[in-house]
N, C-alpha and C. Protein backbone atom coordinates (compact mmCIF):
# COMPACT_ATOMS: atom_id res chain seq x y z
N MET A 1 95.79 124.55 7.76
CA MET A 1 94.86 123.94 8.72
C MET A 1 93.45 124.39 8.38
N THR A 2 92.50 123.46 8.41
CA THR A 2 91.13 123.79 8.08
C THR A 2 90.50 124.59 9.21
N LYS A 3 89.36 125.20 8.91
CA LYS A 3 88.63 125.96 9.94
C LYS A 3 88.21 125.06 11.09
N VAL A 4 87.82 123.83 10.75
CA VAL A 4 87.41 122.89 11.79
C VAL A 4 88.59 122.57 12.70
N GLY A 5 89.77 122.36 12.08
CA GLY A 5 90.96 122.07 12.86
C GLY A 5 91.34 123.23 13.75
N LYS A 6 91.25 124.44 13.24
CA LYS A 6 91.56 125.62 14.04
C LYS A 6 90.61 125.75 15.24
N LYS A 7 89.34 125.48 15.00
CA LYS A 7 88.35 125.56 16.08
C LYS A 7 88.66 124.53 17.17
N LEU A 8 89.07 123.32 16.77
CA LEU A 8 89.38 122.29 17.75
C LEU A 8 90.59 122.67 18.58
N VAL A 9 91.61 123.23 17.92
CA VAL A 9 92.81 123.67 18.63
C VAL A 9 92.46 124.79 19.60
N LEU A 10 91.66 125.76 19.14
CA LEU A 10 91.26 126.88 19.98
C LEU A 10 90.44 126.40 21.17
N ALA A 11 89.54 125.46 20.95
CA ALA A 11 88.72 124.93 22.04
C ALA A 11 89.57 124.22 23.07
N THR A 12 90.58 123.48 22.59
CA THR A 12 91.49 122.78 23.51
C THR A 12 92.27 123.75 24.36
N ILE A 13 92.75 124.84 23.72
CA ILE A 13 93.51 125.86 24.45
C ILE A 13 92.65 126.52 25.51
N ILE A 14 91.42 126.88 25.14
CA ILE A 14 90.51 127.54 26.07
C ILE A 14 90.18 126.61 27.23
N SER A 15 89.92 125.33 26.92
CA SER A 15 89.58 124.36 27.97
C SER A 15 90.74 124.17 28.93
N THR A 16 91.95 124.05 28.36
CA THR A 16 93.14 123.86 29.21
C THR A 16 93.39 125.09 30.06
N PHE A 17 93.25 126.27 29.47
CA PHE A 17 93.46 127.52 30.21
C PHE A 17 92.44 127.66 31.32
N GLY A 18 91.16 127.31 31.01
CA GLY A 18 90.11 127.39 32.02
C GLY A 18 90.38 126.46 33.18
N LEU A 19 90.87 125.24 32.87
CA LEU A 19 91.19 124.29 33.92
C LEU A 19 92.32 124.81 34.78
N PHE A 20 93.35 125.40 34.15
CA PHE A 20 94.50 125.95 34.87
C PHE A 20 94.07 127.07 35.80
N VAL A 21 93.22 127.98 35.28
CA VAL A 21 92.73 129.10 36.08
C VAL A 21 91.93 128.58 37.26
N GLY A 22 91.05 127.58 37.01
CA GLY A 22 90.24 127.04 38.10
C GLY A 22 91.09 126.43 39.20
N GLN A 23 92.16 125.72 38.77
CA GLN A 23 93.03 125.10 39.76
C GLN A 23 93.83 126.15 40.53
N SER A 24 94.24 127.23 39.85
CA SER A 24 95.04 128.25 40.52
C SER A 24 94.22 129.03 41.53
N GLN A 25 92.91 129.08 41.32
CA GLN A 25 92.04 129.82 42.24
C GLN A 25 91.63 128.98 43.44
N ALA A 26 91.81 127.67 43.35
CA ALA A 26 91.46 126.83 44.48
C ALA A 26 92.46 127.05 45.60
N ALA A 27 91.96 127.15 46.83
CA ALA A 27 92.86 127.39 47.96
C ALA A 27 92.21 126.92 49.25
N THR A 28 93.05 126.44 50.16
CA THR A 28 92.60 126.09 51.50
C THR A 28 93.66 126.56 52.49
N GLY A 29 93.26 126.77 53.72
CA GLY A 29 94.23 127.17 54.73
C GLY A 29 93.58 127.39 56.08
N VAL A 30 94.40 127.75 57.04
CA VAL A 30 93.91 128.08 58.39
C VAL A 30 94.28 129.53 58.69
N PHE A 31 93.44 130.19 59.49
CA PHE A 31 93.74 131.58 59.82
C PHE A 31 93.53 131.90 61.30
N GLY A 32 93.21 130.91 62.12
CA GLY A 32 93.06 131.19 63.55
C GLY A 32 92.95 129.91 64.35
N SER A 33 93.38 129.97 65.61
CA SER A 33 93.27 128.80 66.48
C SER A 33 93.29 129.22 67.94
N TYR A 34 92.61 128.42 68.78
CA TYR A 34 92.52 128.67 70.21
C TYR A 34 92.51 127.34 70.95
N VAL A 35 92.94 127.36 72.21
CA VAL A 35 92.88 126.17 73.05
C VAL A 35 92.29 126.55 74.40
N ALA A 36 91.43 125.68 74.95
CA ALA A 36 90.79 125.94 76.24
C ALA A 36 91.36 124.99 77.28
N ILE A 37 91.69 125.53 78.46
CA ILE A 37 92.26 124.75 79.56
C ILE A 37 91.33 124.83 80.77
N ASP A 38 91.03 123.66 81.33
CA ASP A 38 90.28 123.56 82.58
C ASP A 38 91.27 123.15 83.66
N PRO A 39 91.70 124.08 84.55
CA PRO A 39 92.78 123.78 85.48
C PRO A 39 92.40 122.92 86.67
N ASP A 40 91.09 122.72 86.90
CA ASP A 40 90.70 121.95 88.09
C ASP A 40 89.71 120.84 87.78
N GLY A 41 89.60 120.45 86.54
CA GLY A 41 88.84 119.27 86.16
C GLY A 41 87.35 119.37 86.39
N PRO A 42 86.64 118.25 86.27
CA PRO A 42 85.18 118.23 86.44
C PRO A 42 84.76 118.77 87.80
N GLY A 43 83.70 119.56 87.80
CA GLY A 43 83.19 120.11 89.05
C GLY A 43 83.92 121.35 89.52
N GLY A 44 84.91 121.82 88.74
CA GLY A 44 85.66 123.02 89.13
C GLY A 44 84.98 124.28 88.65
N VAL A 45 85.78 125.32 88.50
CA VAL A 45 85.24 126.64 88.15
C VAL A 45 85.02 126.79 86.66
N GLY A 46 85.47 125.84 85.85
CA GLY A 46 85.28 125.93 84.41
C GLY A 46 86.59 126.13 83.67
N PHE A 47 86.48 126.38 82.36
CA PHE A 47 87.67 126.48 81.52
C PHE A 47 87.86 127.89 80.98
N THR A 48 89.07 128.13 80.46
CA THR A 48 89.42 129.42 79.88
C THR A 48 90.04 129.19 78.51
N PHE A 49 89.59 129.95 77.51
CA PHE A 49 90.19 129.90 76.18
C PHE A 49 91.42 130.80 76.12
N TYR A 50 92.46 130.31 75.46
CA TYR A 50 93.67 131.08 75.21
C TYR A 50 93.94 131.14 73.72
N GLY A 51 94.58 132.21 73.29
CA GLY A 51 94.86 132.37 71.88
C GLY A 51 96.11 131.64 71.45
N ALA A 52 96.02 130.96 70.30
CA ALA A 52 97.20 130.36 69.68
C ALA A 52 97.57 131.23 68.47
N GLN A 53 96.93 130.97 67.33
CA GLN A 53 97.08 131.85 66.16
C GLN A 53 95.88 132.79 66.15
N GLN A 54 96.09 134.03 66.56
CA GLN A 54 94.97 134.94 66.78
C GLN A 54 94.76 135.86 65.58
N PRO A 55 93.55 135.82 64.99
CA PRO A 55 93.28 136.61 63.79
C PRO A 55 92.88 138.06 64.07
N GLY A 56 92.63 138.41 65.37
CA GLY A 56 92.30 139.79 65.75
C GLY A 56 91.01 140.28 65.13
N PRO A 57 90.62 141.54 65.46
CA PRO A 57 91.30 142.50 66.33
C PRO A 57 91.11 142.25 67.83
N ASN A 58 90.15 141.41 68.21
CA ASN A 58 90.00 141.05 69.63
C ASN A 58 90.99 139.92 69.97
N PHE A 59 91.69 140.08 71.09
CA PHE A 59 92.71 139.10 71.46
C PHE A 59 92.43 138.53 72.84
N LEU A 60 92.81 137.25 73.01
CA LEU A 60 92.80 136.60 74.31
C LEU A 60 94.23 136.48 74.82
N THR A 61 94.38 136.11 76.08
CA THR A 61 95.71 135.84 76.61
C THR A 61 96.37 134.76 75.76
N ALA A 62 97.61 134.98 75.37
CA ALA A 62 98.32 134.05 74.50
C ALA A 62 98.68 132.77 75.25
N PHE A 63 98.46 131.63 74.61
CA PHE A 63 98.84 130.36 75.21
C PHE A 63 100.35 130.18 75.17
N ASN A 64 100.97 130.58 74.07
CA ASN A 64 102.41 130.40 73.94
C ASN A 64 103.14 131.28 74.96
N GLY A 65 103.94 130.66 75.82
CA GLY A 65 104.65 131.39 76.86
C GLY A 65 103.88 131.54 78.15
N LEU A 66 102.67 130.98 78.21
CA LEU A 66 101.84 131.09 79.40
C LEU A 66 102.36 130.18 80.52
N ASN A 67 102.22 130.64 81.76
CA ASN A 67 102.49 129.79 82.92
C ASN A 67 101.15 129.34 83.48
N LEU A 68 100.89 128.04 83.39
CA LEU A 68 99.61 127.49 83.84
C LEU A 68 99.54 127.31 85.34
N GLY A 69 100.67 127.47 86.04
CA GLY A 69 100.67 127.39 87.50
C GLY A 69 101.15 126.05 88.01
N SER A 70 100.81 125.77 89.25
CA SER A 70 101.26 124.55 89.93
C SER A 70 100.09 123.63 90.23
N PHE A 71 100.35 122.33 90.15
CA PHE A 71 99.36 121.30 90.44
C PHE A 71 100.01 120.26 91.35
N TYR A 72 99.18 119.47 92.02
CA TYR A 72 99.68 118.36 92.83
C TYR A 72 99.55 117.05 92.06
N VAL A 73 100.41 116.11 92.37
CA VAL A 73 100.32 114.78 91.80
C VAL A 73 98.91 114.23 92.06
N GLY A 74 98.28 113.73 91.02
CA GLY A 74 96.93 113.19 91.15
C GLY A 74 95.83 114.19 90.81
N ASP A 75 96.18 115.46 90.64
CA ASP A 75 95.18 116.46 90.22
C ASP A 75 94.71 116.17 88.80
N ILE A 76 93.59 116.79 88.44
CA ILE A 76 93.06 116.69 87.08
C ILE A 76 93.05 118.08 86.46
N ALA A 77 93.72 118.23 85.33
CA ALA A 77 93.68 119.46 84.54
C ALA A 77 93.50 119.05 83.08
N GLN A 78 92.51 119.61 82.42
CA GLN A 78 92.12 119.10 81.12
C GLN A 78 92.30 120.11 79.99
N ILE A 79 92.55 119.57 78.80
CA ILE A 79 92.37 120.35 77.58
C ILE A 79 90.88 120.28 77.28
N ALA A 80 90.18 121.36 77.59
CA ALA A 80 88.72 121.34 77.59
C ALA A 80 88.10 121.79 76.27
N GLY A 81 88.90 122.27 75.35
CA GLY A 81 88.34 122.73 74.09
C GLY A 81 89.43 123.15 73.13
N GLY A 82 89.07 123.20 71.87
CA GLY A 82 89.97 123.68 70.83
C GLY A 82 89.13 124.33 69.75
N GLU A 83 89.73 125.24 69.02
CA GLU A 83 89.01 125.91 67.95
C GLU A 83 89.99 126.20 66.81
N LEU A 84 89.62 125.78 65.61
CA LEU A 84 90.43 126.03 64.42
C LEU A 84 89.57 126.70 63.37
N LEU A 85 90.08 127.80 62.82
CA LEU A 85 89.38 128.56 61.78
C LEU A 85 90.05 128.28 60.45
N THR A 86 89.26 127.87 59.45
CA THR A 86 89.80 127.52 58.14
C THR A 86 89.09 128.30 57.05
N PHE A 87 89.72 128.30 55.84
CA PHE A 87 89.07 128.90 54.68
C PHE A 87 89.24 127.97 53.48
N LYS A 88 88.34 128.14 52.53
CA LYS A 88 88.41 127.38 51.28
C LYS A 88 87.76 128.20 50.18
N ASN A 89 88.26 128.03 48.96
CA ASN A 89 87.61 128.65 47.81
C ASN A 89 87.94 127.85 46.55
N GLY A 90 87.29 128.20 45.44
CA GLY A 90 87.49 127.44 44.22
C GLY A 90 87.14 125.99 44.44
N GLY A 91 88.03 125.10 44.05
CA GLY A 91 87.80 123.68 44.25
C GLY A 91 88.37 123.17 45.55
N GLY A 92 88.88 124.06 46.42
CA GLY A 92 89.45 123.63 47.69
C GLY A 92 88.37 123.19 48.66
N ASP A 93 88.69 122.21 49.50
CA ASP A 93 87.73 121.72 50.48
C ASP A 93 88.47 121.28 51.75
N VAL A 94 87.94 121.68 52.89
CA VAL A 94 88.47 121.25 54.19
C VAL A 94 87.58 120.12 54.69
N THR A 95 88.19 119.00 55.03
CA THR A 95 87.40 117.81 55.36
C THR A 95 87.46 117.41 56.83
N GLY A 96 88.32 118.03 57.62
CA GLY A 96 88.41 117.69 59.03
C GLY A 96 89.46 118.52 59.73
N ALA A 97 89.49 118.41 61.06
CA ALA A 97 90.46 119.19 61.85
C ALA A 97 90.77 118.47 63.14
N GLU A 98 91.93 118.76 63.71
CA GLU A 98 92.31 118.16 64.97
C GLU A 98 93.27 119.07 65.73
N LEU A 99 93.33 118.84 67.04
CA LEU A 99 94.31 119.46 67.93
C LEU A 99 95.27 118.37 68.36
N GLN A 100 96.58 118.63 68.24
CA GLN A 100 97.60 117.68 68.68
C GLN A 100 98.27 118.24 69.93
N TRP A 101 98.50 117.38 70.93
CA TRP A 101 99.08 117.86 72.18
C TRP A 101 100.06 116.83 72.75
N ARG A 102 100.99 117.34 73.55
CA ARG A 102 101.88 116.45 74.32
C ARG A 102 102.44 117.22 75.50
N VAL A 103 102.88 116.46 76.50
CA VAL A 103 103.55 117.02 77.67
C VAL A 103 105.03 116.66 77.58
N ASN A 104 105.86 117.65 77.76
CA ASN A 104 107.31 117.43 77.76
C ASN A 104 107.88 117.71 79.14
N PRO A 105 108.95 116.99 79.57
CA PRO A 105 109.71 116.05 78.75
C PRO A 105 109.06 114.67 78.65
N GLY A 106 109.40 114.00 77.57
CA GLY A 106 109.05 112.59 77.44
C GLY A 106 107.73 112.26 76.80
N GLY A 107 106.94 113.24 76.43
CA GLY A 107 105.61 112.95 75.91
C GLY A 107 105.58 112.73 74.42
N SER A 108 104.59 111.99 73.96
CA SER A 108 104.33 111.80 72.53
C SER A 108 103.04 112.53 72.17
N PHE A 109 102.95 113.00 70.95
CA PHE A 109 101.75 113.72 70.53
C PHE A 109 100.54 112.79 70.45
N ALA A 110 99.41 113.32 70.89
CA ALA A 110 98.12 112.62 70.79
C ALA A 110 97.13 113.58 70.14
N ALA A 111 96.23 113.04 69.35
CA ALA A 111 95.28 113.85 68.60
C ALA A 111 93.92 113.90 69.28
N VAL A 112 93.30 115.08 69.25
CA VAL A 112 91.92 115.26 69.68
C VAL A 112 91.15 115.81 68.49
N ASN A 113 90.11 115.10 68.07
CA ASN A 113 89.34 115.51 66.90
C ASN A 113 88.54 116.78 67.19
N LEU A 114 88.54 117.69 66.22
CA LEU A 114 87.71 118.90 66.28
C LEU A 114 86.64 118.78 65.21
N GLY A 115 85.39 118.69 65.63
CA GLY A 115 84.30 118.54 64.68
C GLY A 115 83.88 119.87 64.08
N PHE A 116 83.22 119.79 62.92
CA PHE A 116 82.71 120.99 62.25
C PHE A 116 81.66 121.68 63.11
N THR A 117 81.74 123.02 63.19
CA THR A 117 80.81 123.79 64.01
C THR A 117 79.96 124.76 63.19
N ALA A 118 80.59 125.52 62.28
CA ALA A 118 79.82 126.56 61.59
C ALA A 118 80.49 127.02 60.31
N ASN A 119 79.66 127.38 59.33
CA ASN A 119 80.11 128.17 58.19
C ASN A 119 79.95 129.64 58.51
N ALA A 120 80.63 130.49 57.75
CA ALA A 120 80.45 131.93 57.93
C ALA A 120 78.97 132.28 57.69
N THR A 121 78.41 133.14 58.52
CA THR A 121 79.04 134.05 59.45
C THR A 121 79.07 133.43 60.86
N PHE A 122 80.22 133.61 61.60
CA PHE A 122 80.35 133.08 62.94
C PHE A 122 81.30 133.96 63.74
N ASN A 123 81.27 133.77 65.08
CA ASN A 123 82.20 134.44 65.98
C ASN A 123 83.22 133.41 66.48
N ASP A 124 84.46 133.86 66.68
CA ASP A 124 85.46 132.97 67.24
C ASP A 124 85.50 133.12 68.75
N ALA A 125 86.42 132.41 69.41
CA ALA A 125 86.48 132.40 70.87
C ALA A 125 86.77 133.77 71.46
N ALA A 126 87.40 134.65 70.67
CA ALA A 126 87.72 135.99 71.15
C ALA A 126 86.63 137.01 70.85
N GLY A 127 85.58 136.59 70.13
CA GLY A 127 84.50 137.50 69.79
C GLY A 127 84.65 138.19 68.46
N ASN A 128 85.63 137.77 67.64
CA ASN A 128 85.76 138.32 66.29
C ASN A 128 84.73 137.68 65.37
N THR A 129 84.20 138.46 64.43
CA THR A 129 83.19 137.98 63.50
C THR A 129 83.81 137.78 62.12
N PHE A 130 83.51 136.63 61.49
CA PHE A 130 84.03 136.30 60.17
C PHE A 130 82.86 135.94 59.26
N SER A 131 82.81 136.60 58.10
CA SER A 131 81.66 136.44 57.23
C SER A 131 82.04 136.14 55.78
N THR A 132 83.31 135.90 55.50
CA THR A 132 83.74 135.61 54.14
C THR A 132 83.29 134.21 53.74
N SER A 133 82.73 134.10 52.55
CA SER A 133 82.27 132.80 52.05
C SER A 133 83.45 131.83 52.03
N GLY A 134 83.25 130.64 52.55
CA GLY A 134 84.30 129.63 52.62
C GLY A 134 84.97 129.54 53.97
N ASP A 135 84.78 130.56 54.82
CA ASP A 135 85.33 130.49 56.18
C ASP A 135 84.54 129.47 56.99
N GLN A 136 85.24 128.68 57.80
CA GLN A 136 84.59 127.66 58.62
C GLN A 136 85.24 127.60 60.00
N LYS A 137 84.45 127.15 60.98
CA LYS A 137 84.94 126.96 62.35
C LYS A 137 84.79 125.50 62.74
N TRP A 138 85.88 124.95 63.32
CA TRP A 138 85.91 123.57 63.82
C TRP A 138 86.20 123.65 65.31
N ALA A 139 85.25 123.20 66.14
CA ALA A 139 85.42 123.44 67.57
C ALA A 139 84.78 122.39 68.48
N GLN A 140 84.13 121.41 67.91
CA GLN A 140 83.48 120.40 68.74
C GLN A 140 84.52 119.37 69.15
N ILE A 141 85.05 119.50 70.38
CA ILE A 141 86.15 118.65 70.82
C ILE A 141 85.63 117.27 71.18
N ALA A 142 86.36 116.24 70.74
CA ALA A 142 85.89 114.87 70.90
C ALA A 142 86.17 114.31 72.28
N SER A 143 87.19 114.83 72.98
CA SER A 143 87.52 114.34 74.32
C SER A 143 88.20 115.46 75.09
N THR A 144 88.31 115.28 76.40
CA THR A 144 88.96 116.29 77.25
C THR A 144 90.08 115.63 78.04
N PRO A 145 91.24 115.43 77.42
CA PRO A 145 92.32 114.68 78.07
C PRO A 145 92.86 115.39 79.32
N ASN A 146 93.18 114.58 80.32
CA ASN A 146 93.82 115.08 81.54
C ASN A 146 95.32 115.08 81.30
N PHE A 147 95.90 116.27 81.09
CA PHE A 147 97.32 116.31 80.73
C PHE A 147 98.24 116.13 81.93
N LEU A 148 97.67 115.99 83.14
CA LEU A 148 98.48 115.70 84.33
C LEU A 148 98.60 114.20 84.61
N SER A 149 97.88 113.40 83.87
CA SER A 149 97.80 111.97 84.15
C SER A 149 99.19 111.32 84.14
N GLY A 150 99.53 110.66 85.25
CA GLY A 150 100.78 109.90 85.34
C GLY A 150 102.02 110.71 85.63
N LEU A 151 101.88 112.02 85.81
CA LEU A 151 103.07 112.86 86.01
C LEU A 151 103.56 112.81 87.46
N THR A 152 104.86 112.87 87.62
CA THR A 152 105.50 112.94 88.92
C THR A 152 105.98 114.37 89.17
N PRO A 153 106.39 114.70 90.40
CA PRO A 153 106.83 116.07 90.67
C PRO A 153 107.93 116.54 89.71
N GLY A 154 107.79 117.76 89.23
CA GLY A 154 108.77 118.32 88.31
C GLY A 154 108.20 119.46 87.50
N SER A 155 109.02 120.00 86.62
CA SER A 155 108.62 121.09 85.72
C SER A 155 108.32 120.52 84.34
N TYR A 156 107.23 120.99 83.72
CA TYR A 156 106.78 120.45 82.45
C TYR A 156 106.32 121.56 81.52
N THR A 157 106.13 121.18 80.25
CA THR A 157 105.48 122.07 79.29
C THR A 157 104.34 121.32 78.62
N LEU A 158 103.29 122.05 78.28
CA LEU A 158 102.17 121.52 77.49
C LEU A 158 102.29 122.14 76.11
N GLU A 159 102.44 121.30 75.09
CA GLU A 159 102.71 121.75 73.72
C GLU A 159 101.54 121.35 72.82
N VAL A 160 101.04 122.29 72.02
CA VAL A 160 99.92 122.00 71.12
C VAL A 160 100.17 122.58 69.73
N PHE A 161 99.54 121.96 68.74
CA PHE A 161 99.42 122.55 67.42
C PHE A 161 98.13 122.03 66.80
N PHE A 162 97.72 122.62 65.67
CA PHE A 162 96.45 122.30 65.04
C PHE A 162 96.69 121.89 63.59
N ARG A 163 95.82 120.98 63.09
CA ARG A 163 95.94 120.53 61.70
C ARG A 163 94.56 120.47 61.06
N ALA A 164 94.46 120.98 59.84
CA ALA A 164 93.26 120.85 59.04
C ALA A 164 93.55 119.90 57.88
N PHE A 165 92.63 119.01 57.60
CA PHE A 165 92.78 118.07 56.49
C PHE A 165 92.02 118.63 55.28
N THR A 166 92.70 118.73 54.14
CA THR A 166 92.07 119.29 52.94
C THR A 166 92.38 118.42 51.73
N ASN A 167 91.66 118.68 50.64
CA ASN A 167 91.92 117.94 49.40
C ASN A 167 93.19 118.42 48.70
N GLU A 168 93.85 119.41 49.29
CA GLU A 168 95.11 119.91 48.74
C GLU A 168 96.29 119.60 49.67
N GLY A 169 96.04 118.80 50.69
CA GLY A 169 97.08 118.49 51.65
C GLY A 169 96.77 119.08 53.02
N ASP A 170 97.53 118.69 54.02
CA ASP A 170 97.29 119.17 55.38
C ASP A 170 97.73 120.63 55.53
N ARG A 171 96.98 121.36 56.37
CA ARG A 171 97.29 122.76 56.67
C ARG A 171 97.46 122.86 58.18
N TYR A 172 98.41 123.69 58.63
CA TYR A 172 98.77 123.73 60.05
C TYR A 172 98.66 125.13 60.66
N SER A 173 98.33 125.13 61.95
CA SER A 173 98.49 126.30 62.81
C SER A 173 99.46 125.84 63.90
N ASN A 174 100.74 126.19 63.73
CA ASN A 174 101.78 125.61 64.59
C ASN A 174 102.88 126.59 64.97
N ASN A 175 102.55 127.87 64.97
CA ASN A 175 103.52 128.89 65.40
C ASN A 175 104.80 128.82 64.57
N GLY A 176 104.63 128.69 63.26
CA GLY A 176 105.78 128.64 62.38
C GLY A 176 106.63 127.40 62.53
N GLY A 177 106.04 126.33 63.06
CA GLY A 177 106.77 125.09 63.26
C GLY A 177 107.28 124.90 64.67
N SER A 178 107.20 125.95 65.50
CA SER A 178 107.67 125.86 66.89
C SER A 178 106.60 125.39 67.85
N ASN A 179 105.33 125.33 67.37
CA ASN A 179 104.16 124.96 68.18
C ASN A 179 103.91 125.98 69.28
N PHE A 180 102.80 125.78 69.99
CA PHE A 180 102.38 126.69 71.07
C PHE A 180 102.64 125.99 72.40
N ILE A 181 103.42 126.62 73.29
CA ILE A 181 103.93 125.93 74.47
C ILE A 181 103.69 126.74 75.73
N ALA A 182 103.10 126.10 76.75
CA ALA A 182 102.88 126.71 78.07
C ALA A 182 103.60 125.89 79.13
N ASP A 183 104.00 126.55 80.22
CA ASP A 183 104.72 125.90 81.32
C ASP A 183 103.79 125.56 82.47
N PHE A 184 104.14 124.55 83.25
CA PHE A 184 103.45 124.28 84.51
C PHE A 184 104.35 123.43 85.39
N GLU A 185 103.97 123.29 86.65
CA GLU A 185 104.76 122.53 87.62
C GLU A 185 103.86 121.54 88.34
N VAL A 186 104.40 120.37 88.63
CA VAL A 186 103.69 119.37 89.42
C VAL A 186 104.42 119.20 90.75
N LEU A 187 103.67 119.31 91.85
CA LEU A 187 104.24 119.22 93.19
C LEU A 187 103.83 117.91 93.86
N ALA A 188 104.66 117.47 94.77
CA ALA A 188 104.32 116.29 95.57
C ALA A 188 103.18 116.63 96.52
N VAL A 189 102.31 115.68 96.77
CA VAL A 189 101.22 115.88 97.72
C VAL A 189 101.82 115.98 99.12
N PRO A 190 101.46 117.01 99.92
CA PRO A 190 102.03 117.14 101.27
C PRO A 190 101.71 115.93 102.13
N GLU A 191 102.67 115.56 103.00
CA GLU A 191 102.44 114.47 103.94
C GLU A 191 101.33 114.85 104.92
N PRO A 192 100.56 113.86 105.42
CA PRO A 192 99.48 114.16 106.38
C PRO A 192 99.97 114.94 107.59
N SER A 193 101.19 114.67 108.04
CA SER A 193 101.71 115.39 109.20
C SER A 193 101.93 116.86 108.88
N THR A 194 102.35 117.13 107.64
CA THR A 194 102.55 118.53 107.22
C THR A 194 101.22 119.26 107.16
N ILE A 195 100.20 118.57 106.63
CA ILE A 195 98.87 119.18 106.56
C ILE A 195 98.34 119.47 107.96
N LEU A 196 98.58 118.53 108.89
CA LEU A 196 98.13 118.72 110.27
C LEU A 196 98.83 119.92 110.90
N LEU A 197 100.13 120.04 110.70
CA LEU A 197 100.87 121.17 111.25
C LEU A 197 100.37 122.49 110.69
N LEU A 198 100.07 122.50 109.38
CA LEU A 198 99.54 123.72 108.77
C LEU A 198 98.19 124.08 109.37
N ALA A 199 97.35 123.06 109.59
CA ALA A 199 96.03 123.30 110.16
C ALA A 199 96.15 123.82 111.59
N VAL A 200 97.06 123.20 112.38
CA VAL A 200 97.27 123.66 113.76
C VAL A 200 97.79 125.08 113.77
N GLY A 201 98.74 125.37 112.87
CA GLY A 201 99.28 126.72 112.80
C GLY A 201 98.23 127.74 112.45
N ALA A 202 97.36 127.38 111.53
CA ALA A 202 96.28 128.31 111.15
C ALA A 202 95.34 128.54 112.32
N GLY A 203 95.08 127.46 113.10
CA GLY A 203 94.21 127.60 114.27
C GLY A 203 94.82 128.49 115.32
N ILE A 204 96.14 128.36 115.54
CA ILE A 204 96.82 129.21 116.53
C ILE A 204 96.77 130.67 116.12
N VAL A 205 97.02 130.93 114.83
CA VAL A 205 96.97 132.31 114.34
C VAL A 205 95.59 132.89 114.51
N TYR A 206 94.55 132.08 114.23
CA TYR A 206 93.18 132.56 114.36
C TYR A 206 92.86 132.91 115.81
N ARG A 207 93.24 132.01 116.76
CA ARG A 207 92.94 132.27 118.18
C ARG A 207 93.71 133.48 118.68
N SER A 208 94.94 133.64 118.24
CA SER A 208 95.74 134.78 118.67
C SER A 208 95.10 136.09 118.20
N ARG A 209 94.65 136.09 116.96
CA ARG A 209 93.99 137.31 116.44
C ARG A 209 92.73 137.61 117.22
N ARG A 210 92.00 136.55 117.59
CA ARG A 210 90.77 136.73 118.34
C ARG A 210 91.05 137.34 119.71
N ARG A 211 92.08 136.84 120.37
CA ARG A 211 92.43 137.36 121.71
C ARG A 211 92.86 138.81 121.63
N ILE A 212 93.67 139.14 120.61
CA ILE A 212 94.11 140.53 120.44
C ILE A 212 92.92 141.44 120.22
N THR A 213 91.98 140.97 119.38
CA THR A 213 90.77 141.79 119.10
C THR A 213 89.97 142.00 120.37
N GLN A 214 89.81 140.95 121.19
CA GLN A 214 89.06 141.09 122.44
C GLN A 214 89.78 142.01 123.40
N TRP A 215 91.12 141.93 123.47
CA TRP A 215 91.89 142.78 124.37
C TRP A 215 91.76 144.25 123.98
N VAL A 216 91.81 144.51 122.66
CA VAL A 216 91.66 145.89 122.19
C VAL A 216 90.31 146.44 122.54
N LYS A 217 89.27 145.61 122.44
CA LYS A 217 87.92 146.07 122.79
C LYS A 217 87.85 146.42 124.27
């Protein structure tokens, strides 16, 4: 083989090896997620963030296994926010993110878009700071769905997971495939007569306490 031929072979090997190394160093993924719940809808006390996939060392109350409490038919309780933390390096790129949710039994998953918020350095919902190049936060929620809409009295679960869209395929924060699940209950609205009886009972208790206080004096 001539010197020119050897150089061409060597250049091809180096180019192929360099391409392989570049591809092997490319990576994308997720490393944290949070969901915010507003239990009393617009005009209420506000929302609370809960941890899904928590990167630490600061932790929030875990969403998975949480009891969200009881609501009445017709109440409004919203998914008020979501946060997904992603990373990329080499030729990897994250192009979008979403939160998927459903109410069981009987619910189908619906997507809520999470818009890009920040490159590193940033703080997450728990107050952790991330400064590695390629780290990104997606947290601008596109809508605030009322997860109580259309529900009748009964016991339910609210199930969520997160997805990042990348040039290497989708990446998930989904509790190892089991998703993040919280419980809640929906109660029937009390009949007007029941409300009246409760109000009368409260009034009787109040007057009785007043009389006792006056008698003691």
